[in-house]
Amino acid sequence: MLDSALKVWKSVSSVLKLSVGDLVYHLLYGREWVAIVLDLHDAALLCLDRPHKTFCREYVIVHMQKGSKYENFFSGFTQNTKISNSSGYISYHWLRSV
């Protein structure tokens, strides 16, 4: 299971070129939406553990920049995607490096 998760994540991260510690912005919210990438591998493992893999996307765990317009971006999200008001899971395809 771990090997397959790492293979999936390596293929995703090679396309995105995102790494832990990168500053990223969200394609829909623009460059005012700034976050730091906290984790990649655990998010991929969670994705593969879900029963309906056909509806699965690879996620990145991010923490929003303090003092920014979107600091509490995750406050209205469900517990499935929210870790705290300023941290949570975002589908990798919406993110780009700053």
N, C-alpha and C. Protein backbone atom coordinates (compact mmCIF):
# COMPACT_ATOMS: atom_id res chain seq x y z
N MET A 1 0.82 -1.20 0.00
CA MET A 1 0.00 0.00 0.00
C MET A 1 0.86 1.26 0.00
N LEU A 2 1.88 1.27 0.86
CA LEU A 2 2.74 2.44 0.94
C LEU A 2 3.49 2.66 -0.36
N ASP A 3 3.98 1.59 -0.98
CA ASP A 3 4.69 1.72 -2.25
C ASP A 3 3.82 2.32 -3.34
N SER A 4 2.57 1.86 -3.43
CA SER A 4 1.68 2.39 -4.46
C SER A 4 1.35 3.86 -4.20
N ALA A 5 1.20 4.23 -2.92
CA ALA A 5 0.92 5.63 -2.58
C ALA A 5 2.10 6.52 -2.94
N LEU A 6 3.30 6.05 -2.68
CA LEU A 6 4.48 6.85 -3.02
C LEU A 6 4.66 6.98 -4.52
N LYS A 7 4.35 5.94 -5.28
CA LYS A 7 4.43 6.01 -6.74
C LYS A 7 3.45 7.04 -7.28
N VAL A 8 2.21 7.02 -6.76
CA VAL A 8 1.20 8.00 -7.19
C VAL A 8 1.68 9.40 -6.86
N TRP A 9 2.17 9.59 -5.63
CA TRP A 9 2.57 10.93 -5.24
C TRP A 9 3.77 11.41 -6.05
N LYS A 10 4.72 10.54 -6.35
CA LYS A 10 5.88 10.94 -7.15
C LYS A 10 5.45 11.41 -8.53
N SER A 11 4.46 10.75 -9.12
CA SER A 11 4.00 11.18 -10.44
C SER A 11 3.28 12.52 -10.35
N VAL A 12 2.52 12.74 -9.30
CA VAL A 12 1.81 14.01 -9.12
C VAL A 12 2.79 15.13 -8.83
N SER A 13 3.70 14.91 -7.87
CA SER A 13 4.61 15.97 -7.48
C SER A 13 5.60 16.32 -8.58
N SER A 14 5.92 15.38 -9.46
CA SER A 14 6.84 15.69 -10.56
C SER A 14 6.18 16.64 -11.55
N VAL A 15 4.87 16.53 -11.74
CA VAL A 15 4.15 17.43 -12.63
C VAL A 15 4.02 18.81 -11.98
N LEU A 16 3.66 18.83 -10.71
CA LEU A 16 3.43 20.09 -10.01
C LEU A 16 4.70 20.79 -9.57
N LYS A 17 5.70 20.00 -9.26
CA LYS A 17 6.95 20.51 -8.70
C LYS A 17 6.70 21.27 -7.41
N LEU A 18 5.83 20.74 -6.54
CA LEU A 18 5.59 21.30 -5.22
C LEU A 18 6.37 20.49 -4.20
N SER A 19 6.89 21.19 -3.20
CA SER A 19 7.62 20.54 -2.12
C SER A 19 7.17 21.11 -0.80
N VAL A 20 7.41 20.36 0.27
CA VAL A 20 7.12 20.85 1.62
C VAL A 20 7.92 22.13 1.82
N GLY A 21 7.25 23.16 2.34
CA GLY A 21 7.89 24.45 2.58
C GLY A 21 7.67 25.47 1.48
N ASP A 22 7.15 25.04 0.34
CA ASP A 22 6.89 25.97 -0.76
C ASP A 22 5.74 26.91 -0.42
N LEU A 23 5.87 28.16 -0.85
CA LEU A 23 4.74 29.09 -0.79
C LEU A 23 3.93 28.88 -2.06
N VAL A 24 2.62 28.79 -1.89
CA VAL A 24 1.74 28.53 -3.03
C VAL A 24 0.58 29.52 -3.04
N TYR A 25 -0.03 29.66 -4.20
CA TYR A 25 -1.26 30.43 -4.32
C TYR A 25 -2.31 29.57 -4.99
N HIS A 26 -3.58 29.95 -4.86
CA HIS A 26 -4.72 29.20 -5.38
C HIS A 26 -5.15 29.82 -6.70
N LEU A 27 -5.34 28.99 -7.72
CA LEU A 27 -5.70 29.51 -9.04
C LEU A 27 -7.02 30.29 -9.05
N LEU A 28 -7.98 29.88 -8.24
CA LEU A 28 -9.28 30.58 -8.23
C LEU A 28 -9.26 31.88 -7.43
N TYR A 29 -8.44 31.93 -6.37
CA TYR A 29 -8.43 33.10 -5.49
C TYR A 29 -7.29 34.07 -5.78
N GLY A 30 -6.38 33.68 -6.62
CA GLY A 30 -5.30 34.58 -7.01
C GLY A 30 -4.14 34.61 -6.04
N ARG A 31 -3.24 35.54 -6.28
CA ARG A 31 -2.00 35.60 -5.51
C ARG A 31 -2.18 36.20 -4.12
N GLU A 32 -3.37 36.71 -3.80
CA GLU A 32 -3.64 37.14 -2.42
C GLU A 32 -3.84 35.95 -1.49
N TRP A 33 -4.17 34.80 -2.06
CA TRP A 33 -4.35 33.55 -1.32
C TRP A 33 -2.96 32.92 -1.24
N VAL A 34 -2.30 33.06 -0.10
CA VAL A 34 -0.94 32.55 0.06
C VAL A 34 -0.89 31.57 1.22
N ALA A 35 -0.28 30.41 0.95
CA ALA A 35 -0.15 29.38 1.98
C ALA A 35 1.21 28.70 1.82
N ILE A 36 1.59 27.99 2.87
CA ILE A 36 2.82 27.20 2.83
C ILE A 36 2.44 25.72 2.82
N VAL A 37 3.12 24.94 2.01
CA VAL A 37 2.86 23.50 1.92
C VAL A 37 3.46 22.83 3.16
N LEU A 38 2.59 22.13 3.92
CA LEU A 38 3.04 21.43 5.12
C LEU A 38 3.34 19.96 4.89
N ASP A 39 2.57 19.32 4.03
CA ASP A 39 2.74 17.88 3.85
C ASP A 39 2.20 17.45 2.49
N LEU A 40 2.84 16.43 1.94
CA LEU A 40 2.43 15.87 0.66
C LEU A 40 2.10 14.39 0.77
N HIS A 41 2.96 13.60 1.35
CA HIS A 41 2.83 12.15 1.36
C HIS A 41 1.63 11.65 2.15
N ASP A 42 1.38 12.19 3.33
CA ASP A 42 0.24 11.72 4.12
C ASP A 42 -1.07 11.97 3.40
N ALA A 43 -1.15 13.09 2.71
CA ALA A 43 -2.37 13.40 1.96
C ALA A 43 -2.61 12.38 0.86
N ALA A 44 -1.56 11.95 0.19
CA ALA A 44 -1.69 10.94 -0.86
C ALA A 44 -2.12 9.60 -0.27
N LEU A 45 -1.59 9.26 0.89
CA LEU A 45 -1.98 8.00 1.54
C LEU A 45 -3.45 8.03 1.94
N LEU A 46 -3.92 9.15 2.47
CA LEU A 46 -5.33 9.27 2.84
C LEU A 46 -6.21 9.09 1.61
N CYS A 47 -5.79 9.63 0.52
CA CYS A 47 -6.54 9.52 -0.72
C CYS A 47 -6.68 8.06 -1.15
N LEU A 48 -5.60 7.31 -1.08
CA LEU A 48 -5.64 5.91 -1.51
C LEU A 48 -6.42 5.02 -0.55
N ASP A 49 -6.59 5.44 0.69
CA ASP A 49 -7.32 4.64 1.67
C ASP A 49 -8.83 4.77 1.52
N ARG A 50 -9.29 5.74 0.76
CA ARG A 50 -10.74 5.93 0.61
C ARG A 50 -11.35 4.80 -0.21
N PRO A 51 -12.60 4.42 0.11
CA PRO A 51 -13.22 3.29 -0.60
C PRO A 51 -13.50 3.56 -2.07
N HIS A 52 -13.80 4.79 -2.47
CA HIS A 52 -14.15 5.11 -3.85
C HIS A 52 -13.00 5.86 -4.51
N LYS A 53 -11.98 5.14 -4.91
CA LYS A 53 -10.79 5.75 -5.48
C LYS A 53 -11.07 6.48 -6.79
N THR A 54 -12.17 6.15 -7.45
CA THR A 54 -12.48 6.82 -8.71
C THR A 54 -12.82 8.29 -8.50
N PHE A 55 -13.26 8.66 -7.30
CA PHE A 55 -13.60 10.05 -7.00
C PHE A 55 -12.51 10.72 -6.16
N CYS A 56 -11.36 10.10 -6.13
CA CYS A 56 -10.27 10.54 -5.28
C CYS A 56 -9.36 11.53 -5.99
N ARG A 57 -8.91 12.53 -5.27
CA ARG A 57 -7.92 13.46 -5.78
C ARG A 57 -6.78 13.51 -4.78
N GLU A 58 -5.61 13.84 -5.25
CA GLU A 58 -4.47 13.98 -4.36
C GLU A 58 -4.54 15.37 -3.73
N TYR A 59 -4.32 15.41 -2.44
CA TYR A 59 -4.41 16.66 -1.69
C TYR A 59 -3.07 17.05 -1.10
N VAL A 60 -2.92 18.34 -0.88
CA VAL A 60 -1.76 18.91 -0.23
C VAL A 60 -2.26 19.57 1.05
N ILE A 61 -1.53 19.38 2.14
CA ILE A 61 -1.88 20.05 3.39
C ILE A 61 -1.17 21.40 3.41
N VAL A 62 -1.94 22.47 3.58
CA VAL A 62 -1.38 23.82 3.59
C VAL A 62 -1.76 24.57 4.85
N HIS A 63 -0.97 25.59 5.16
CA HIS A 63 -1.27 26.51 6.26
C HIS A 63 -1.27 27.91 5.68
N MET A 64 -2.34 28.65 5.91
CA MET A 64 -2.49 29.98 5.34
C MET A 64 -1.53 30.98 5.99
N GLN A 65 -1.10 31.97 5.21
CA GLN A 65 -0.21 33.00 5.70
C GLN A 65 -0.96 33.88 6.70
N LYS A 66 -0.38 34.03 7.88
CA LYS A 66 -0.99 34.85 8.93
C LYS A 66 -1.02 36.31 8.50
N GLY A 67 -2.15 36.97 8.76
CA GLY A 67 -2.31 38.37 8.42
C GLY A 67 -2.79 38.62 6.99
N SER A 68 -2.96 37.54 6.23
CA SER A 68 -3.41 37.71 4.85
C SER A 68 -4.95 37.77 4.79
N LYS A 69 -5.45 38.16 3.66
CA LYS A 69 -6.90 38.26 3.44
C LYS A 69 -7.60 36.92 3.70
N TYR A 70 -6.95 35.83 3.39
CA TYR A 70 -7.54 34.49 3.51
C TYR A 70 -6.98 33.71 4.70
N GLU A 71 -6.53 34.39 5.72
CA GLU A 71 -5.92 33.76 6.89
C GLU A 71 -6.80 32.65 7.48
N ASN A 72 -8.10 32.87 7.55
CA ASN A 72 -9.04 31.88 8.11
C ASN A 72 -9.84 31.17 7.01
N PHE A 73 -9.19 30.87 5.93
CA PHE A 73 -9.81 30.29 4.75
C PHE A 73 -10.62 29.03 5.07
N PHE A 74 -10.15 28.20 5.96
CA PHE A 74 -10.78 26.91 6.23
C PHE A 74 -11.87 26.97 7.30
N SER A 75 -12.20 28.13 7.81
CA SER A 75 -13.17 28.24 8.91
C SER A 75 -14.56 27.72 8.53
N GLY A 76 -14.95 27.80 7.29
CA GLY A 76 -16.27 27.33 6.87
C GLY A 76 -16.27 25.93 6.28
N PHE A 77 -15.13 25.26 6.28
CA PHE A 77 -15.02 23.93 5.68
C PHE A 77 -15.43 22.85 6.68
N THR A 78 -15.74 21.67 6.15
CA THR A 78 -16.08 20.53 7.00
C THR A 78 -14.81 19.93 7.61
N GLN A 79 -14.99 19.08 8.60
CA GLN A 79 -13.85 18.45 9.26
C GLN A 79 -13.06 17.53 8.33
N ASN A 80 -13.66 17.11 7.20
CA ASN A 80 -12.94 16.26 6.25
C ASN A 80 -11.78 16.98 5.58
N THR A 81 -11.89 18.29 5.38
CA THR A 81 -10.85 19.04 4.69
C THR A 81 -10.18 20.08 5.57
N LYS A 82 -10.69 20.28 6.78
CA LYS A 82 -10.19 21.32 7.67
C LYS A 82 -9.38 20.70 8.81
N ILE A 83 -8.19 21.24 9.06
CA ILE A 83 -7.40 20.84 10.22
C ILE A 83 -7.59 21.89 11.31
N SER A 84 -7.55 23.15 10.92
CA SER A 84 -7.85 24.28 11.79
C SER A 84 -8.43 25.37 10.90
N ASN A 85 -8.73 26.53 11.48
CA ASN A 85 -9.26 27.62 10.66
C ASN A 85 -8.27 28.10 9.61
N SER A 86 -6.99 27.86 9.86
CA SER A 86 -5.97 28.33 8.92
C SER A 86 -5.19 27.20 8.24
N SER A 87 -5.56 25.94 8.48
CA SER A 87 -4.88 24.80 7.84
C SER A 87 -5.89 23.80 7.33
N GLY A 88 -5.54 23.13 6.22
CA GLY A 88 -6.43 22.12 5.69
C GLY A 88 -5.91 21.51 4.41
N TYR A 89 -6.76 20.70 3.79
CA TYR A 89 -6.42 19.99 2.57
C TYR A 89 -6.94 20.75 1.35
N ILE A 90 -6.08 20.89 0.35
CA ILE A 90 -6.46 21.51 -0.91
C ILE A 90 -6.03 20.56 -2.02
N SER A 91 -6.88 20.37 -3.00
CA SER A 91 -6.53 19.53 -4.13
C SER A 91 -5.34 20.16 -4.88
N TYR A 92 -4.34 19.35 -5.15
CA TYR A 92 -3.09 19.85 -5.71
C TYR A 92 -3.27 20.62 -7.02
N HIS A 93 -4.28 20.28 -7.80
CA HIS A 93 -4.38 20.91 -9.14
C HIS A 93 -4.78 22.38 -9.07
N TRP A 94 -5.22 22.88 -7.92
CA TRP A 94 -5.55 24.30 -7.77
C TRP A 94 -4.35 25.14 -7.35
N LEU A 95 -3.25 24.51 -6.99
CA LEU A 95 -2.11 25.23 -6.40
C LEU A 95 -0.96 25.43 -7.39
N ARG A 96 -0.32 26.57 -7.26
CA ARG A 96 0.88 26.88 -8.02
C ARG A 96 1.89 27.55 -7.09
N SER A 97 3.17 27.35 -7.36
CA SER A 97 4.22 27.98 -6.56
C SER A 97 4.23 29.47 -6.79
N VAL A 98 4.51 30.20 -5.71
CA VAL A 98 4.59 31.67 -5.79
C VAL A 98 5.87 32.05 -6.48
